[in-house]
Amino acid sequence: MQPTTLPQLEEIRQECRRLVSRRASMSAGATLLPIPLADIGADVGLLMEMIPTINRRFGLTPEQIDGLDPQVKRVLLVGVSSVGSEMIGRYITRPLVLELVKRVGVRMGTKSTIRFVPIAGQLLAAGISFAAMRAIGNAHVDDCFRVLEKAIIANLPEKVGVTRVDARVAASAA
């Protein structure tokens, strides 16, 4: 179920950021395993689980969007296209996640190479892994937040009886 107020939306954003931090920690831990390419496999698996969870929590899975009123659905889809996210309202597939991982490929390549330097290299690789996973996750959380924030504000004037300029103030008071 989608949030209908900005305070609810902010609460979901904070929940999802905590989820992202936990998954980023798991990614960093996988980097410490001395198995070649295990860290990349772990990252893909974590993203395949994390992105749909974030979408579900914000009410932005394909099924949740399909069940919406057509007018609300239209507002959301316009918001998704304006944010430019490829992960909102879509089924998350392995090729889609691999494309996402390629975007941070320099970090991932550095992580995979540097981890073979004893101790310091492994710690640095874990830090890179944590930072890359957190950046990907938090960017997706922020995209979801912006899409729903626009939708909530677009619907507020009718519900609250204020102008669009005052919508943000009214929304935070709701």
Protein backbone atom coordinates (compact mmCIF):
# COMPACT_ATOMS: atom_id res chain seq x y z
CA MET A 1 0.00 0.00 0.00
CA GLN A 2 1.31 3.41 -0.95
CA PRO A 3 1.78 6.14 1.60
CA THR A 4 -0.68 9.01 1.31
CA THR A 5 1.11 11.67 3.38
CA LEU A 6 4.62 13.06 3.32
CA PRO A 7 5.33 11.98 6.94
CA GLN A 8 4.37 8.38 6.04
CA LEU A 9 6.57 8.62 2.96
CA GLU A 10 9.51 9.88 5.02
CA GLU A 11 9.08 7.00 7.48
CA ILE A 12 9.24 4.50 4.62
CA ARG A 13 12.33 6.21 3.23
CA GLN A 14 14.10 5.86 6.59
CA GLU A 15 13.08 2.17 6.85
CA CYS A 16 14.41 1.50 3.37
CA ARG A 17 17.67 3.31 4.08
CA ARG A 18 18.19 1.01 7.08
CA LEU A 19 17.51 -1.98 4.80
CA VAL A 20 20.07 -0.65 2.31
CA SER A 21 22.69 -0.27 5.05
CA ARG A 22 22.13 -3.86 6.20
CA ARG A 23 22.45 -5.18 2.64
CA ALA A 24 25.55 -3.04 2.02
CA SER A 25 27.10 -4.57 5.14
CA MET A 26 26.33 -8.03 3.79
CA SER A 27 27.97 -7.07 0.50
CA ALA A 28 31.08 -5.91 2.34
CA GLY A 29 31.16 -9.18 4.28
CA ALA A 30 30.94 -11.21 1.07
CA THR A 31 34.00 -9.35 -0.21
CA LEU A 32 36.03 -10.75 2.66
CA LEU A 33 35.41 -14.33 1.50
CA PRO A 34 38.49 -15.68 -0.30
CA ILE A 35 36.44 -17.11 -3.17
CA PRO A 36 36.94 -15.45 -6.59
CA LEU A 37 33.82 -13.71 -7.93
CA ALA A 38 31.77 -14.68 -4.85
CA ASP A 39 31.43 -11.00 -4.02
CA ILE A 40 29.96 -10.12 -7.43
CA GLY A 41 27.51 -13.02 -7.18
CA ALA A 42 26.54 -11.89 -3.69
CA ASP A 43 26.03 -8.31 -4.90
CA VAL A 44 23.76 -9.42 -7.74
CA GLY A 45 21.77 -11.63 -5.36
CA LEU A 46 21.47 -8.84 -2.80
CA LEU A 47 20.28 -6.37 -5.44
CA MET A 48 17.79 -8.91 -6.85
CA GLU A 49 16.24 -9.05 -3.36
CA MET A 50 16.73 -5.46 -2.21
CA ILE A 51 15.30 -3.51 -5.18
CA PRO A 52 11.93 -5.38 -5.24
CA THR A 53 11.69 -5.05 -1.45
CA ILE A 54 12.13 -1.29 -1.70
CA ASN A 55 9.59 -1.11 -4.54
CA ARG A 56 7.11 -3.16 -2.51
CA ARG A 57 7.56 -1.01 0.60
CA PHE A 58 6.86 2.15 -1.40
CA GLY A 59 3.92 0.50 -3.20
CA LEU A 60 5.68 0.63 -6.56
CA THR A 61 5.79 -2.98 -7.74
CA PRO A 62 4.21 -3.69 -11.14
CA GLU A 63 1.27 -5.43 -9.42
CA GLN A 64 0.70 -2.57 -6.99
CA ILE A 65 0.80 0.04 -9.75
CA ASP A 66 -1.56 -1.99 -11.97
CA GLY A 67 -4.13 -2.05 -9.16
CA LEU A 68 -4.27 1.74 -8.86
CA ASP A 69 -6.88 4.15 -10.13
CA PRO A 70 -5.96 5.05 -13.74
CA GLN A 71 -5.52 8.74 -12.90
CA VAL A 72 -3.18 7.98 -9.99
CA LYS A 73 -1.36 5.44 -12.13
CA ARG A 74 -0.81 8.07 -14.82
CA VAL A 75 0.62 10.54 -12.29
CA LEU A 76 2.99 7.85 -10.98
CA LEU A 77 4.18 6.81 -14.42
CA VAL A 78 4.87 10.43 -15.35
CA GLY A 79 6.83 10.73 -12.09
CA VAL A 80 8.80 7.57 -12.85
CA SER A 81 9.74 8.85 -16.31
CA SER A 82 10.72 12.28 -14.95
CA VAL A 83 12.98 10.68 -12.33
CA GLY A 84 14.45 8.40 -15.00
CA SER A 85 14.45 5.24 -12.89
CA GLU A 86 14.60 1.92 -14.68
CA MET A 87 13.85 -0.05 -11.51
CA ILE A 88 10.52 1.43 -10.39
CA GLY A 89 7.40 -0.44 -11.45
CA ARG A 90 9.32 -3.13 -13.31
CA TYR A 91 10.01 -6.75 -12.70
CA ILE A 92 13.58 -6.98 -11.50
CA THR A 93 15.48 -9.43 -13.65
CA ARG A 94 19.06 -10.62 -13.57
CA PRO A 95 19.96 -8.75 -16.83
CA LEU A 96 18.49 -5.55 -15.39
CA VAL A 97 20.55 -5.93 -12.20
CA LEU A 98 23.68 -6.78 -14.18
CA GLU A 99 23.19 -3.56 -16.16
CA LEU A 100 22.96 -1.67 -12.87
CA VAL A 101 26.15 -3.33 -11.62
CA LYS A 102 27.92 -2.38 -14.88
CA ARG A 103 27.17 1.28 -14.15
CA VAL A 104 29.30 1.06 -11.04
CA GLY A 105 31.73 -1.23 -12.88
CA VAL A 106 34.85 0.79 -12.12
CA ARG A 107 34.25 0.44 -8.40
CA MET A 108 33.44 -3.24 -8.76
CA GLY A 109 36.51 -3.88 -10.91
CA THR A 110 38.72 -2.08 -8.44
CA LYS A 111 37.14 -4.03 -5.61
CA SER A 112 37.77 -7.36 -7.33
CA THR A 113 41.41 -6.52 -8.10
CA ILE A 114 42.45 -4.88 -4.85
CA ARG A 115 41.04 -7.60 -2.63
CA PHE A 116 44.03 -9.82 -3.43
CA VAL A 117 46.38 -7.47 -1.57
CA PRO A 118 46.67 -9.05 1.89
CA ILE A 119 44.60 -7.51 4.70
CA ALA A 120 44.61 -3.84 3.64
CA GLY A 121 43.36 -4.74 0.17
CA GLN A 122 40.56 -6.87 1.56
CA LEU A 123 39.47 -4.12 3.95
CA LEU A 124 39.57 -1.52 1.20
CA ALA A 125 37.61 -3.83 -1.12
CA ALA A 126 34.99 -4.33 1.62
CA GLY A 127 34.71 -0.55 2.01
CA ILE A 128 34.30 -0.09 -1.74
CA SER A 129 31.68 -2.82 -1.81
CA PHE A 130 29.76 -1.25 1.07
CA ALA A 131 29.88 2.20 -0.53
CA ALA A 132 28.83 0.96 -3.98
CA MET A 133 25.91 -1.10 -2.65
CA ARG A 134 24.77 1.75 -0.41
CA ALA A 135 24.99 4.23 -3.30
CA ILE A 136 22.89 2.01 -5.58
CA GLY A 137 20.31 1.27 -2.88
CA ASN A 138 19.97 4.81 -1.57
CA ALA A 139 19.67 6.20 -5.11
CA HIS A 140 16.77 3.82 -5.71
CA VAL A 141 15.16 4.77 -2.38
CA ASP A 142 15.47 8.45 -3.29
CA ASP A 143 13.98 7.83 -6.76
CA CYS A 144 10.98 6.05 -5.21
CA PHE A 145 10.60 8.84 -2.67
CA ARG A 146 10.64 11.58 -5.34
CA VAL A 147 8.06 9.78 -7.50
CA LEU A 148 5.62 9.40 -4.61
CA GLU A 149 6.34 12.86 -3.23
CA LYS A 150 5.30 14.34 -6.60
CA ALA A 151 2.16 12.18 -6.63
CA ILE A 152 1.20 13.14 -3.08
CA ILE A 153 1.76 16.84 -3.73
CA ALA A 154 -0.14 16.65 -7.04
CA ASN A 155 -3.16 15.21 -5.20
CA LEU A 156 -2.99 17.48 -2.16
CA PRO A 157 -4.54 20.67 -3.53
CA GLU A 158 -7.82 18.88 -4.24
CA LYS A 159 -7.87 17.16 -0.85
CA VAL A 160 -6.60 19.99 1.32
CA GLY A 161 -7.99 22.94 -0.63
CA VAL A 162 -4.70 24.81 -1.05
CA THR A 163 -2.76 26.10 -3.99
CA ARG A 164 0.09 24.05 -5.42
CA VAL A 165 2.57 26.55 -4.03
CA ASP A 166 1.30 25.83 -0.50
CA ALA A 167 0.99 22.08 -1.04
CA ARG A 168 4.34 21.21 0.56
CA VAL A 169 3.50 23.16 3.71
CA ALA A 170 0.05 21.58 3.96
CA ALA A 171 1.49 18.11 3.34
CA SER A 172 4.03 18.36 6.13
CA ALA A 173 1.29 19.51 8.54
CA ALA A 174 -0.98 16.58 7.57
